[in-house]
Amino acid sequence: MNAPKWRIAAGVLVLAALALFGMILLPLYYRNYQFQQFVSAAAHRVDSNTRSDDVLREWVVDKAASLELPVRADNVQIKRSAEGVRIEVRYAVRVDFPGYTVLLHFFPRAGQ
């Protein structure tokens, strides 16, 4: 029982499209993962409680720039409480596919 050639061709096209989407999206998600790890480490650093909000914000924006993520200072929220520091970052990345554009929203956050 042989599958018709058009089914094989369609299957190959679907796999190629999935590979293309993966090649474009996986690096973005991996850089966001690295950024999340940095935000978590920054929020839990012992000296974060004594640093100003501007210094913490600068750390976060600089790290995002090194990862080529479109984070601006106004995307970073620093919240302080008796338990410690909470850092929240909201940003979006525009991804253009052939015939389709998507805006991926990310929300890395950490702290008390």
N, C-alpha and C. Protein backbone atom coordinates (compact mmCIF):
# COMPACT_ATOMS: atom_id res chain seq x y z
N MET A 1 0.84 -1.18 0.00
CA MET A 1 0.00 0.00 0.00
C MET A 1 0.89 1.24 0.00
N ASN A 2 1.05 1.86 -1.14
CA ASN A 2 1.88 3.04 -1.29
C ASN A 2 1.06 4.31 -1.14
N ALA A 3 1.62 5.28 -0.44
CA ALA A 3 0.95 6.57 -0.29
C ALA A 3 1.13 7.36 -1.59
N PRO A 4 0.09 8.09 -1.98
CA PRO A 4 0.22 8.92 -3.18
C PRO A 4 1.35 9.94 -2.99
N LYS A 5 1.99 10.28 -4.09
CA LYS A 5 3.13 11.21 -4.04
C LYS A 5 2.74 12.58 -3.50
N TRP A 6 1.49 13.02 -3.73
CA TRP A 6 1.09 14.33 -3.24
C TRP A 6 1.04 14.36 -1.71
N ARG A 7 0.71 13.24 -1.09
CA ARG A 7 0.69 13.18 0.37
C ARG A 7 2.10 13.28 0.94
N ILE A 8 3.02 12.63 0.30
CA ILE A 8 4.42 12.71 0.74
C ILE A 8 4.92 14.14 0.58
N ALA A 9 4.62 14.76 -0.57
CA ALA A 9 5.04 16.14 -0.81
C ALA A 9 4.40 17.08 0.22
N ALA A 10 3.12 16.90 0.53
CA ALA A 10 2.45 17.73 1.52
C ALA A 10 3.09 17.55 2.90
N GLY A 11 3.41 16.31 3.24
CA GLY A 11 4.06 16.05 4.52
C GLY A 11 5.42 16.72 4.60
N VAL A 12 6.17 16.68 3.53
CA VAL A 12 7.49 17.34 3.50
C VAL A 12 7.33 18.84 3.63
N LEU A 13 6.33 19.42 2.98
CA LEU A 13 6.09 20.86 3.08
C LEU A 13 5.71 21.26 4.50
N VAL A 14 4.88 20.47 5.14
CA VAL A 14 4.48 20.76 6.52
C VAL A 14 5.71 20.70 7.44
N LEU A 15 6.52 19.69 7.28
CA LEU A 15 7.73 19.58 8.10
C LEU A 15 8.70 20.73 7.84
N ALA A 16 8.82 21.15 6.59
CA ALA A 16 9.69 22.28 6.26
C ALA A 16 9.17 23.57 6.90
N ALA A 17 7.85 23.77 6.87
CA ALA A 17 7.27 24.96 7.49
C ALA A 17 7.50 24.95 9.00
N LEU A 18 7.32 23.81 9.63
CA LEU A 18 7.57 23.70 11.08
C LEU A 18 9.03 23.97 11.40
N ALA A 19 9.93 23.48 10.57
CA ALA A 19 11.36 23.73 10.78
C ALA A 19 11.67 25.22 10.64
N LEU A 20 11.05 25.88 9.66
CA LEU A 20 11.25 27.32 9.48
C LEU A 20 10.75 28.09 10.70
N PHE A 21 9.53 27.77 11.16
CA PHE A 21 9.00 28.44 12.35
C PHE A 21 9.92 28.21 13.55
N GLY A 22 10.39 27.00 13.71
CA GLY A 22 11.30 26.69 14.82
C GLY A 22 12.60 27.46 14.74
N MET A 23 13.16 27.56 13.55
CA MET A 23 14.43 28.29 13.38
C MET A 23 14.27 29.77 13.70
N ILE A 24 13.10 30.32 13.45
CA ILE A 24 12.86 31.73 13.73
C ILE A 24 12.47 31.96 15.19
N LEU A 25 11.62 31.11 15.74
CA LEU A 25 11.07 31.34 17.08
C LEU A 25 11.95 30.84 18.23
N LEU A 26 12.59 29.71 18.05
CA LEU A 26 13.38 29.14 19.16
C LEU A 26 14.46 30.08 19.68
N PRO A 27 15.22 30.77 18.82
CA PRO A 27 16.21 31.71 19.37
C PRO A 27 15.59 32.82 20.21
N LEU A 28 14.41 33.30 19.82
CA LEU A 28 13.73 34.34 20.61
C LEU A 28 13.35 33.83 21.99
N TYR A 29 12.78 32.63 22.03
CA TYR A 29 12.38 32.06 23.31
C TYR A 29 13.59 31.71 24.17
N TYR A 30 14.68 31.29 23.55
CA TYR A 30 15.89 30.98 24.31
C TYR A 30 16.49 32.25 24.90
N ARG A 31 16.53 33.34 24.12
CA ARG A 31 17.05 34.61 24.66
C ARG A 31 16.15 35.12 25.79
N ASN A 32 14.83 34.93 25.67
CA ASN A 32 13.94 35.32 26.75
C ASN A 32 14.21 34.47 28.00
N TYR A 33 14.49 33.19 27.80
CA TYR A 33 14.83 32.31 28.93
C TYR A 33 16.11 32.82 29.63
N GLN A 34 17.12 33.16 28.85
CA GLN A 34 18.36 33.71 29.43
C GLN A 34 18.07 35.01 30.19
N PHE A 35 17.22 35.84 29.60
CA PHE A 35 16.87 37.11 30.23
C PHE A 35 16.12 36.87 31.54
N GLN A 36 15.19 35.91 31.54
CA GLN A 36 14.46 35.55 32.75
C GLN A 36 15.43 35.10 33.85
N GLN A 37 16.42 34.31 33.50
CA GLN A 37 17.41 33.87 34.48
C GLN A 37 18.17 35.06 35.06
N PHE A 38 18.51 36.03 34.22
CA PHE A 38 19.21 37.22 34.70
C PHE A 38 18.31 38.03 35.63
N VAL A 39 17.06 38.25 35.24
CA VAL A 39 16.12 39.02 36.07
C VAL A 39 15.96 38.35 37.43
N SER A 40 15.85 37.04 37.43
CA SER A 40 15.72 36.31 38.69
C SER A 40 16.96 36.49 39.56
N ALA A 41 18.13 36.37 38.96
CA ALA A 41 19.37 36.54 39.72
C ALA A 41 19.50 37.97 40.24
N ALA A 42 19.13 38.94 39.42
CA ALA A 42 19.23 40.35 39.85
C ALA A 42 18.28 40.64 41.00
N ALA A 43 17.08 40.07 40.96
CA ALA A 43 16.10 40.32 42.02
C ALA A 43 16.52 39.69 43.33
N HIS A 44 17.26 38.60 43.26
CA HIS A 44 17.65 37.88 44.47
C HIS A 44 19.06 38.21 44.97
N ARG A 45 19.75 39.10 44.26
CA ARG A 45 21.08 39.51 44.73
C ARG A 45 20.95 40.20 46.08
N VAL A 46 21.92 39.96 46.92
CA VAL A 46 21.90 40.55 48.26
C VAL A 46 21.93 42.08 48.20
N ASP A 47 22.69 42.64 47.27
CA ASP A 47 22.82 44.09 47.21
C ASP A 47 21.69 44.77 46.44
N SER A 48 20.73 44.03 45.93
CA SER A 48 19.61 44.64 45.20
C SER A 48 18.78 45.55 46.10
N ASN A 49 18.68 45.20 47.38
CA ASN A 49 17.90 46.04 48.31
C ASN A 49 18.53 47.40 48.54
N THR A 50 19.85 47.49 48.39
CA THR A 50 20.53 48.75 48.65
C THR A 50 20.77 49.55 47.37
N ARG A 51 20.57 48.95 46.22
CA ARG A 51 20.76 49.66 44.95
C ARG A 51 19.52 50.46 44.61
N SER A 52 19.71 51.56 43.91
CA SER A 52 18.56 52.39 43.52
C SER A 52 17.79 51.70 42.39
N ASP A 53 16.55 52.12 42.21
CA ASP A 53 15.74 51.59 41.12
C ASP A 53 16.40 51.85 39.77
N ASP A 54 17.01 53.02 39.62
CA ASP A 54 17.65 53.36 38.35
C ASP A 54 18.82 52.42 38.04
N VAL A 55 19.58 52.04 39.04
CA VAL A 55 20.70 51.12 38.83
C VAL A 55 20.18 49.74 38.43
N LEU A 56 19.17 49.26 39.13
CA LEU A 56 18.58 47.96 38.79
C LEU A 56 18.00 47.99 37.38
N ARG A 57 17.31 49.06 37.07
CA ARG A 57 16.71 49.20 35.74
C ARG A 57 17.80 49.21 34.67
N GLU A 58 18.89 49.89 34.94
CA GLU A 58 20.01 49.95 33.98
C GLU A 58 20.61 48.56 33.78
N TRP A 59 20.78 47.79 34.85
CA TRP A 59 21.28 46.41 34.72
C TRP A 59 20.41 45.61 33.78
N VAL A 60 19.09 45.71 34.01
CA VAL A 60 18.14 44.93 33.22
C VAL A 60 18.15 45.35 31.75
N VAL A 61 18.13 46.64 31.50
CA VAL A 61 18.11 47.14 30.13
C VAL A 61 19.42 46.78 29.41
N ASP A 62 20.54 46.89 30.11
CA ASP A 62 21.83 46.52 29.50
C ASP A 62 21.89 45.04 29.14
N LYS A 63 21.38 44.19 30.03
CA LYS A 63 21.37 42.75 29.74
C LYS A 63 20.47 42.46 28.55
N ALA A 64 19.31 43.10 28.50
CA ALA A 64 18.40 42.90 27.37
C ALA A 64 19.07 43.33 26.06
N ALA A 65 19.78 44.44 26.10
CA ALA A 65 20.47 44.91 24.90
C ALA A 65 21.53 43.91 24.47
N SER A 66 22.23 43.31 25.43
CA SER A 66 23.27 42.33 25.08
C SER A 66 22.65 41.07 24.47
N LEU A 67 21.39 40.80 24.79
CA LEU A 67 20.68 39.65 24.22
C LEU A 67 19.85 40.04 22.98
N GLU A 68 19.98 41.31 22.57
CA GLU A 68 19.26 41.83 21.42
C GLU A 68 17.74 41.75 21.59
N LEU A 69 17.29 42.08 22.80
CA LEU A 69 15.86 42.12 23.10
C LEU A 69 15.42 43.58 23.17
N PRO A 70 14.24 43.91 22.65
CA PRO A 70 13.80 45.31 22.59
C PRO A 70 13.18 45.79 23.91
N VAL A 71 14.02 45.90 24.93
CA VAL A 71 13.54 46.35 26.24
C VAL A 71 14.06 47.77 26.48
N ARG A 72 13.13 48.65 26.83
CA ARG A 72 13.47 50.03 27.17
C ARG A 72 13.29 50.21 28.68
N ALA A 73 13.80 51.29 29.19
CA ALA A 73 13.71 51.55 30.64
C ALA A 73 12.27 51.60 31.11
N ASP A 74 11.36 52.11 30.28
CA ASP A 74 9.96 52.19 30.72
C ASP A 74 9.25 50.83 30.68
N ASN A 75 9.91 49.79 30.16
CA ASN A 75 9.36 48.43 30.19
C ASN A 75 9.66 47.73 31.52
N VAL A 76 10.54 48.31 32.33
CA VAL A 76 11.02 47.67 33.56
C VAL A 76 10.36 48.32 34.77
N GLN A 77 9.70 47.49 35.57
CA GLN A 77 9.07 47.96 36.80
C GLN A 77 9.81 47.37 38.00
N ILE A 78 10.19 48.22 38.92
CA ILE A 78 10.86 47.80 40.15
C ILE A 78 9.89 48.05 41.30
N LYS A 79 9.60 47.01 42.07
CA LYS A 79 8.71 47.15 43.22
C LYS A 79 9.46 46.69 44.47
N ARG A 80 9.36 47.47 45.50
CA ARG A 80 10.05 47.15 46.76
C ARG A 80 9.03 46.84 47.85
N SER A 81 9.38 45.89 48.69
CA SER A 81 8.54 45.55 49.84
C SER A 81 9.48 45.15 50.98
N ALA A 82 8.89 44.83 52.11
CA ALA A 82 9.69 44.41 53.26
C ALA A 82 10.43 43.09 52.97
N GLU A 83 9.86 42.27 52.08
CA GLU A 83 10.48 40.98 51.76
C GLU A 83 11.64 41.11 50.77
N GLY A 84 11.67 42.17 49.99
CA GLY A 84 12.74 42.34 49.02
C GLY A 84 12.32 43.14 47.80
N VAL A 85 12.98 42.85 46.70
CA VAL A 85 12.78 43.58 45.45
C VAL A 85 12.08 42.67 44.45
N ARG A 86 11.15 43.23 43.70
CA ARG A 86 10.48 42.50 42.61
C ARG A 86 10.75 43.27 41.33
N ILE A 87 11.21 42.55 40.31
CA ILE A 87 11.50 43.14 39.01
C ILE A 87 10.54 42.51 38.00
N GLU A 88 9.85 43.36 37.26
CA GLU A 88 8.93 42.90 36.21
C GLU A 88 9.27 43.63 34.92
N VAL A 89 9.31 42.87 33.84
CA VAL A 89 9.63 43.44 32.53
C VAL A 89 8.57 42.97 31.54
N ARG A 90 8.01 43.90 30.81
CA ARG A 90 7.07 43.56 29.73
C ARG A 90 7.66 44.09 28.43
N TYR A 91 7.73 43.23 27.44
CA TYR A 91 8.18 43.66 26.12
C TYR A 91 7.59 42.76 25.06
N ALA A 92 7.64 43.22 23.83
CA ALA A 92 7.10 42.46 22.71
C ALA A 92 8.12 42.45 21.58
N VAL A 93 8.13 41.34 20.85
CA VAL A 93 9.02 41.19 19.70
C VAL A 93 8.15 40.92 18.48
N ARG A 94 8.35 41.70 17.44
CA ARG A 94 7.62 41.52 16.20
C ARG A 94 8.37 40.50 15.34
N VAL A 95 7.64 39.51 14.86
CA VAL A 95 8.23 38.47 14.01
C VAL A 95 7.47 38.47 12.69
N ASP A 96 8.21 38.63 11.62
CA ASP A 96 7.62 38.64 10.28
C ASP A 96 7.88 37.32 9.59
N PHE A 97 6.82 36.58 9.32
CA PHE A 97 6.88 35.38 8.52
C PHE A 97 6.40 35.74 7.11
N PRO A 98 6.70 34.92 6.14
CA PRO A 98 6.16 35.19 4.81
C PRO A 98 4.63 35.17 4.85
N GLY A 99 4.03 36.33 4.58
CA GLY A 99 2.58 36.43 4.56
C GLY A 99 1.91 36.55 5.91
N TYR A 100 2.68 36.64 7.00
CA TYR A 100 2.09 36.68 8.33
C TYR A 100 3.04 37.38 9.30
N THR A 101 2.49 38.24 10.13
CA THR A 101 3.27 38.92 11.16
C THR A 101 2.64 38.63 12.52
N VAL A 102 3.49 38.34 13.49
CA VAL A 102 3.00 38.07 14.84
C VAL A 102 3.80 38.91 15.83
N LEU A 103 3.14 39.34 16.89
CA LEU A 103 3.78 40.09 17.96
C LEU A 103 3.82 39.17 19.18
N LEU A 104 5.02 38.76 19.57
CA LEU A 104 5.19 37.88 20.73
C LEU A 104 5.38 38.74 21.97
N HIS A 105 4.57 38.51 22.98
CA HIS A 105 4.65 39.26 24.23
C HIS A 105 5.35 38.40 25.29
N PHE A 106 6.30 39.03 25.99
CA PHE A 106 7.05 38.35 27.04
C PHE A 106 6.91 39.14 28.34
N PHE A 107 6.93 38.41 29.47
CA PHE A 107 6.75 39.03 30.78
C PHE A 107 7.68 38.38 31.81
N PRO A 108 8.99 38.56 31.68
CA PRO A 108 9.89 38.02 32.71
C PRO A 108 9.72 38.79 34.01
N ARG A 109 9.73 38.06 35.12
CA ARG A 109 9.59 38.71 36.43
C ARG A 109 10.18 37.81 37.50
N ALA A 110 10.59 38.44 38.58
CA ALA A 110 11.16 37.68 39.70
C ALA A 110 11.19 38.57 40.94
N GLY A 111 11.28 37.91 42.08
CA GLY A 111 11.42 38.64 43.33
C GLY A 111 10.23 38.42 44.24
N GLN A 112 10.23 39.19 45.33
CA GLN A 112 9.19 39.07 46.35
C GLN A 112 8.01 39.95 46.02
